[in-house]
């Protein structure tokens, strides 16, 4: 693993380009796409680590494993219901605005 952020960034850009080339085939399960995805993930984490090590700066986003994401966002949770209720309330207010215009 490199600790030079510039080298790590160049590797990340090359990994994005290789992923695009592999993805052009349109088969997400092809060995070329899987290898490109793995290389892209590795290059991303290497760049993230090199940037933080050299400058103490973190990237503004994280990549999580899809299994981890499922744990954080369970369907049917109370949190989801609260969001849905807020959306419904906004819809009701919009309908009232249109009724006032008549």
N, C-alpha and C. Protein backbone atom coordinates (compact mmCIF):
# COMPACT_ATOMS: atom_id res chain seq x y z
N UNK A 1 0.85 -1.17 0.00
CA UNK A 1 0.00 0.00 0.00
C UNK A 1 0.90 1.24 0.00
N UNK A 2 0.51 2.19 -0.80
CA UNK A 2 1.31 3.42 -0.88
C UNK A 2 0.78 4.47 0.08
N UNK A 3 1.67 5.27 0.61
CA UNK A 3 1.26 6.37 1.48
C UNK A 3 1.31 7.70 0.74
N UNK A 4 1.62 7.68 -0.55
CA UNK A 4 1.65 8.89 -1.35
C UNK A 4 0.26 9.11 -1.95
N UNK A 5 -0.45 10.16 -1.52
CA UNK A 5 -1.80 10.38 -2.01
C UNK A 5 -1.88 10.57 -3.53
N UNK A 6 -0.88 11.20 -4.13
CA UNK A 6 -0.91 11.43 -5.58
C UNK A 6 -0.83 10.10 -6.32
N UNK A 7 0.05 9.21 -5.90
CA UNK A 7 0.15 7.89 -6.54
C UNK A 7 -1.13 7.10 -6.34
N UNK A 8 -1.69 7.19 -5.14
CA UNK A 8 -2.93 6.48 -4.84
C UNK A 8 -4.08 7.03 -5.68
N UNK A 9 -4.11 8.34 -5.87
CA UNK A 9 -5.15 8.95 -6.70
C UNK A 9 -5.02 8.50 -8.15
N UNK A 10 -3.80 8.48 -8.66
CA UNK A 10 -3.58 8.01 -10.03
C UNK A 10 -4.04 6.56 -10.19
N UNK A 11 -3.77 5.75 -9.18
CA UNK A 11 -4.20 4.35 -9.21
C UNK A 11 -5.73 4.27 -9.17
N UNK A 12 -6.37 5.13 -8.39
CA UNK A 12 -7.83 5.15 -8.30
C UNK A 12 -8.44 5.54 -9.65
N UNK A 13 -7.89 6.55 -10.28
CA UNK A 13 -8.40 6.98 -11.59
C UNK A 13 -8.24 5.85 -12.61
N UNK A 14 -7.10 5.19 -12.60
CA UNK A 14 -6.88 4.07 -13.51
C UNK A 14 -7.87 2.93 -13.23
N UNK A 15 -8.18 2.72 -11.96
CA UNK A 15 -9.14 1.67 -11.59
C UNK A 15 -10.55 2.03 -12.09
N UNK A 16 -10.91 3.31 -12.01
CA UNK A 16 -12.20 3.75 -12.57
C UNK A 16 -12.25 3.50 -14.08
N UNK A 17 -11.17 3.83 -14.76
CA UNK A 17 -11.12 3.63 -16.21
C UNK A 17 -11.20 2.15 -16.58
N UNK A 18 -10.50 1.31 -15.83
CA UNK A 18 -10.55 -0.13 -16.09
C UNK A 18 -11.95 -0.68 -15.81
N UNK A 19 -12.59 -0.15 -14.79
CA UNK A 19 -13.95 -0.60 -14.46
C UNK A 19 -14.91 -0.21 -15.58
N UNK A 20 -14.78 1.00 -16.10
CA UNK A 20 -15.63 1.44 -17.21
C UNK A 20 -15.43 0.54 -18.42
N UNK A 21 -14.19 0.22 -18.73
CA UNK A 21 -13.91 -0.65 -19.87
C UNK A 21 -14.53 -2.03 -19.67
N UNK A 22 -14.40 -2.58 -18.47
CA UNK A 22 -14.96 -3.90 -18.18
C UNK A 22 -16.49 -3.85 -18.19
N UNK A 23 -17.06 -2.77 -17.69
CA UNK A 23 -18.52 -2.65 -17.62
C UNK A 23 -19.15 -2.51 -19.00
N UNK A 24 -18.40 -2.05 -19.97
CA UNK A 24 -18.93 -1.87 -21.32
C UNK A 24 -19.43 -3.18 -21.91
N UNK A 25 -18.93 -4.30 -21.40
CA UNK A 25 -19.38 -5.60 -21.87
C UNK A 25 -20.81 -5.89 -21.44
N UNK A 26 -21.27 -5.23 -20.38
CA UNK A 26 -22.65 -5.37 -19.94
C UNK A 26 -22.96 -6.60 -19.11
N UNK A 27 -21.96 -7.35 -18.70
CA UNK A 27 -22.20 -8.54 -17.88
C UNK A 27 -21.59 -8.33 -16.51
N UNK A 28 -22.44 -7.98 -15.54
CA UNK A 28 -21.93 -7.65 -14.21
C UNK A 28 -21.27 -8.82 -13.49
N UNK A 29 -21.51 -10.03 -13.94
CA UNK A 29 -20.92 -11.20 -13.29
C UNK A 29 -19.68 -11.73 -14.02
N UNK A 30 -19.28 -11.05 -15.08
CA UNK A 30 -18.10 -11.53 -15.82
C UNK A 30 -16.87 -11.39 -14.93
N UNK A 31 -15.90 -12.28 -15.11
CA UNK A 31 -14.67 -12.20 -14.32
C UNK A 31 -13.96 -10.85 -14.46
N UNK A 32 -14.02 -10.25 -15.64
CA UNK A 32 -13.36 -8.95 -15.85
C UNK A 32 -14.02 -7.86 -15.01
N UNK A 33 -15.35 -7.87 -14.94
CA UNK A 33 -16.06 -6.85 -14.15
C UNK A 33 -15.81 -7.07 -12.66
N UNK A 34 -15.87 -8.31 -12.23
CA UNK A 34 -15.64 -8.62 -10.81
C UNK A 34 -14.23 -8.20 -10.41
N UNK A 35 -13.25 -8.51 -11.24
CA UNK A 35 -11.86 -8.12 -10.94
C UNK A 35 -11.72 -6.60 -10.93
N UNK A 36 -12.37 -5.93 -11.88
CA UNK A 36 -12.31 -4.46 -11.92
C UNK A 36 -12.97 -3.85 -10.69
N UNK A 37 -14.08 -4.44 -10.24
CA UNK A 37 -14.74 -3.95 -9.02
C UNK A 37 -13.83 -4.11 -7.81
N UNK A 38 -13.19 -5.26 -7.71
CA UNK A 38 -12.28 -5.50 -6.58
C UNK A 38 -11.11 -4.52 -6.61
N UNK A 39 -10.54 -4.31 -7.79
CA UNK A 39 -9.42 -3.36 -7.92
C UNK A 39 -9.87 -1.94 -7.59
N UNK A 40 -11.07 -1.58 -8.01
CA UNK A 40 -11.59 -0.24 -7.74
C UNK A 40 -11.81 -0.04 -6.25
N UNK A 41 -12.38 -1.04 -5.60
CA UNK A 41 -12.57 -0.95 -4.15
C UNK A 41 -11.23 -0.82 -3.43
N UNK A 42 -10.28 -1.63 -3.82
CA UNK A 42 -8.96 -1.58 -3.19
C UNK A 42 -8.30 -0.22 -3.42
N UNK A 43 -8.40 0.29 -4.64
CA UNK A 43 -7.80 1.59 -4.95
C UNK A 43 -8.48 2.71 -4.17
N UNK A 44 -9.79 2.61 -4.01
CA UNK A 44 -10.52 3.63 -3.24
C UNK A 44 -10.03 3.65 -1.79
N UNK A 45 -9.98 2.48 -1.16
CA UNK A 45 -9.56 2.42 0.24
C UNK A 45 -8.10 2.82 0.41
N UNK A 46 -7.26 2.48 -0.57
CA UNK A 46 -5.85 2.88 -0.52
C UNK A 46 -5.73 4.40 -0.59
N UNK A 47 -6.48 5.01 -1.50
CA UNK A 47 -6.45 6.48 -1.62
C UNK A 47 -6.98 7.13 -0.35
N UNK A 48 -8.08 6.62 0.17
CA UNK A 48 -8.67 7.16 1.40
C UNK A 48 -7.65 7.12 2.54
N UNK A 49 -6.97 5.99 2.67
CA UNK A 49 -5.97 5.83 3.73
C UNK A 49 -4.77 6.75 3.50
N UNK A 50 -4.29 6.82 2.27
CA UNK A 50 -3.12 7.67 1.97
C UNK A 50 -3.44 9.14 2.20
N UNK A 51 -4.64 9.57 1.82
CA UNK A 51 -5.05 10.96 2.02
C UNK A 51 -5.11 11.29 3.51
N UNK A 52 -5.70 10.39 4.28
CA UNK A 52 -5.82 10.63 5.72
C UNK A 52 -4.44 10.59 6.40
N UNK A 53 -3.61 9.64 6.01
CA UNK A 53 -2.28 9.52 6.61
C UNK A 53 -1.43 10.75 6.32
N UNK A 54 -1.48 11.24 5.10
CA UNK A 54 -0.64 12.37 4.72
C UNK A 54 -1.17 13.71 5.19
N UNK A 55 -2.50 13.87 5.19
CA UNK A 55 -3.07 15.20 5.43
C UNK A 55 -4.11 15.27 6.54
N UNK A 56 -4.48 14.11 7.09
CA UNK A 56 -5.50 14.11 8.14
C UNK A 56 -6.89 14.44 7.63
N UNK A 57 -7.11 14.29 6.34
CA UNK A 57 -8.39 14.60 5.70
C UNK A 57 -9.07 13.29 5.30
N UNK A 58 -10.36 13.21 5.61
CA UNK A 58 -11.14 12.04 5.19
C UNK A 58 -11.97 12.39 3.97
N UNK A 59 -12.25 11.40 3.15
CA UNK A 59 -13.15 11.61 2.02
C UNK A 59 -14.56 11.86 2.56
N UNK A 60 -15.38 12.61 1.83
CA UNK A 60 -16.70 12.97 2.35
C UNK A 60 -17.74 11.87 2.22
N UNK A 61 -17.34 10.66 1.88
CA UNK A 61 -18.28 9.56 1.76
C UNK A 61 -17.58 8.25 2.09
N UNK A 62 -18.37 7.25 2.41
CA UNK A 62 -17.85 5.93 2.73
C UNK A 62 -18.50 4.90 1.83
N UNK A 63 -17.79 3.86 1.56
CA UNK A 63 -18.36 2.73 0.85
C UNK A 63 -18.64 1.65 1.88
N UNK A 64 -19.87 1.18 1.91
CA UNK A 64 -20.24 0.13 2.85
C UNK A 64 -20.61 -1.12 2.07
N UNK A 65 -20.42 -2.23 2.71
CA UNK A 65 -20.81 -3.50 2.15
C UNK A 65 -22.33 -3.55 2.11
N UNK A 66 -22.90 -4.11 1.07
CA UNK A 66 -24.36 -4.14 0.96
C UNK A 66 -25.00 -4.87 2.13
N UNK A 67 -24.31 -5.83 2.72
CA UNK A 67 -24.85 -6.52 3.91
C UNK A 67 -24.94 -5.56 5.08
N UNK A 68 -23.93 -4.69 5.24
CA UNK A 68 -23.95 -3.70 6.31
C UNK A 68 -25.06 -2.68 6.09
N UNK A 69 -25.27 -2.29 4.86
CA UNK A 69 -26.30 -1.30 4.55
C UNK A 69 -27.68 -1.84 4.91
N UNK A 70 -27.90 -3.12 4.68
CA UNK A 70 -29.19 -3.72 5.03
C UNK A 70 -29.43 -3.66 6.53
N UNK A 71 -28.38 -3.81 7.32
CA UNK A 71 -28.53 -3.75 8.77
C UNK A 71 -28.93 -2.35 9.24
N UNK A 72 -28.41 -1.33 8.57
CA UNK A 72 -28.68 0.04 8.96
C UNK A 72 -30.07 0.51 8.55
N UNK A 73 -30.59 -0.03 7.48
CA UNK A 73 -31.86 0.44 6.93
C UNK A 73 -32.84 -0.71 6.79
N UNK A 74 -33.31 -1.19 7.91
CA UNK A 74 -34.28 -2.27 7.87
C UNK A 74 -35.62 -1.71 7.42
N UNK A 75 -36.29 -2.45 6.56
CA UNK A 75 -37.60 -1.99 6.11
C UNK A 75 -38.61 -2.21 7.21
N UNK A 76 -39.57 -1.32 7.26
CA UNK A 76 -40.61 -1.44 8.26
C UNK A 76 -40.22 -0.90 9.62
N UNK A 77 -39.10 -0.23 9.73
CA UNK A 77 -38.70 0.29 11.03
C UNK A 77 -39.50 1.53 11.36
N UNK A 78 -39.50 1.90 12.63
CA UNK A 78 -40.22 3.09 13.07
C UNK A 78 -39.67 4.34 12.39
N UNK A 79 -38.37 4.36 12.15
CA UNK A 79 -37.74 5.51 11.51
C UNK A 79 -38.31 5.71 10.10
N UNK A 80 -38.50 4.61 9.37
CA UNK A 80 -39.09 4.70 8.04
C UNK A 80 -40.51 5.23 8.11
N UNK A 81 -41.26 4.77 9.10
CA UNK A 81 -42.64 5.22 9.26
C UNK A 81 -42.70 6.71 9.53
N UNK A 82 -41.79 7.22 10.34
CA UNK A 82 -41.76 8.65 10.63
C UNK A 82 -41.51 9.45 9.36
N UNK A 83 -40.62 8.97 8.52
CA UNK A 83 -40.33 9.67 7.27
C UNK A 83 -41.57 9.65 6.38
N UNK A 84 -42.23 8.49 6.29
CA UNK A 84 -43.43 8.39 5.46
C UNK A 84 -44.51 9.33 5.96
N UNK A 85 -44.68 9.43 7.28
CA UNK A 85 -45.68 10.32 7.84
C UNK A 85 -45.37 11.77 7.50
N UNK A 86 -44.11 12.15 7.57
CA UNK A 86 -43.73 13.51 7.22
C UNK A 86 -44.04 13.80 5.76
N UNK A 87 -43.79 12.84 4.90
CA UNK A 87 -44.06 13.02 3.48
C UNK A 87 -45.56 13.18 3.26
N UNK A 88 -46.36 12.35 3.93
CA UNK A 88 -47.81 12.44 3.81
C UNK A 88 -48.31 13.81 4.26
N UNK A 89 -47.76 14.34 5.35
CA UNK A 89 -48.17 15.65 5.85
C UNK A 89 -47.86 16.74 4.82
N UNK A 90 -46.70 16.64 4.18
CA UNK A 90 -46.34 17.62 3.16
C UNK A 90 -47.30 17.57 1.98
N UNK A 91 -47.71 16.36 1.60
CA UNK A 91 -48.66 16.20 0.51
C UNK A 91 -49.99 16.85 0.86
N UNK A 92 -50.45 16.66 2.11
CA UNK A 92 -51.70 17.25 2.56
C UNK A 92 -51.64 18.77 2.48
N UNK A 93 -50.52 19.35 2.88
CA UNK A 93 -50.37 20.80 2.84
C UNK A 93 -50.39 21.31 1.40
N UNK A 94 -49.77 20.56 0.48
CA UNK A 94 -49.77 20.97 -0.92
C UNK A 94 -51.19 20.96 -1.48
N UNK A 95 -51.97 19.94 -1.12
CA UNK A 95 -53.35 19.87 -1.60
C UNK A 95 -54.16 21.04 -1.08
N UNK A 96 -53.93 21.45 0.16
CA UNK A 96 -54.65 22.59 0.73
C UNK A 96 -54.30 23.87 -0.02
N UNK A 97 -53.04 24.01 -0.43
CA UNK A 97 -52.63 25.20 -1.18
C UNK A 97 -53.38 25.31 -2.50
N UNK A 98 -53.56 24.18 -3.18
CA UNK A 98 -54.29 24.21 -4.45
C UNK A 98 -55.76 24.52 -4.24
N UNK A 99 -56.33 24.04 -3.15
CA UNK A 99 -57.74 24.31 -2.86
C UNK A 99 -57.97 25.78 -2.59
N UNK A 100 -56.99 26.46 -1.97
CA UNK A 100 -57.12 27.88 -1.66
C UNK A 100 -57.13 28.73 -2.92
N UNK A 101 -56.48 28.26 -3.98
CA UNK A 101 -56.39 29.03 -5.21
C UNK A 101 -57.71 29.08 -5.97
N UNK A 102 -58.60 28.14 -5.72
CA UNK A 102 -59.88 28.09 -6.45
C UNK A 102 -60.80 29.16 -6.06
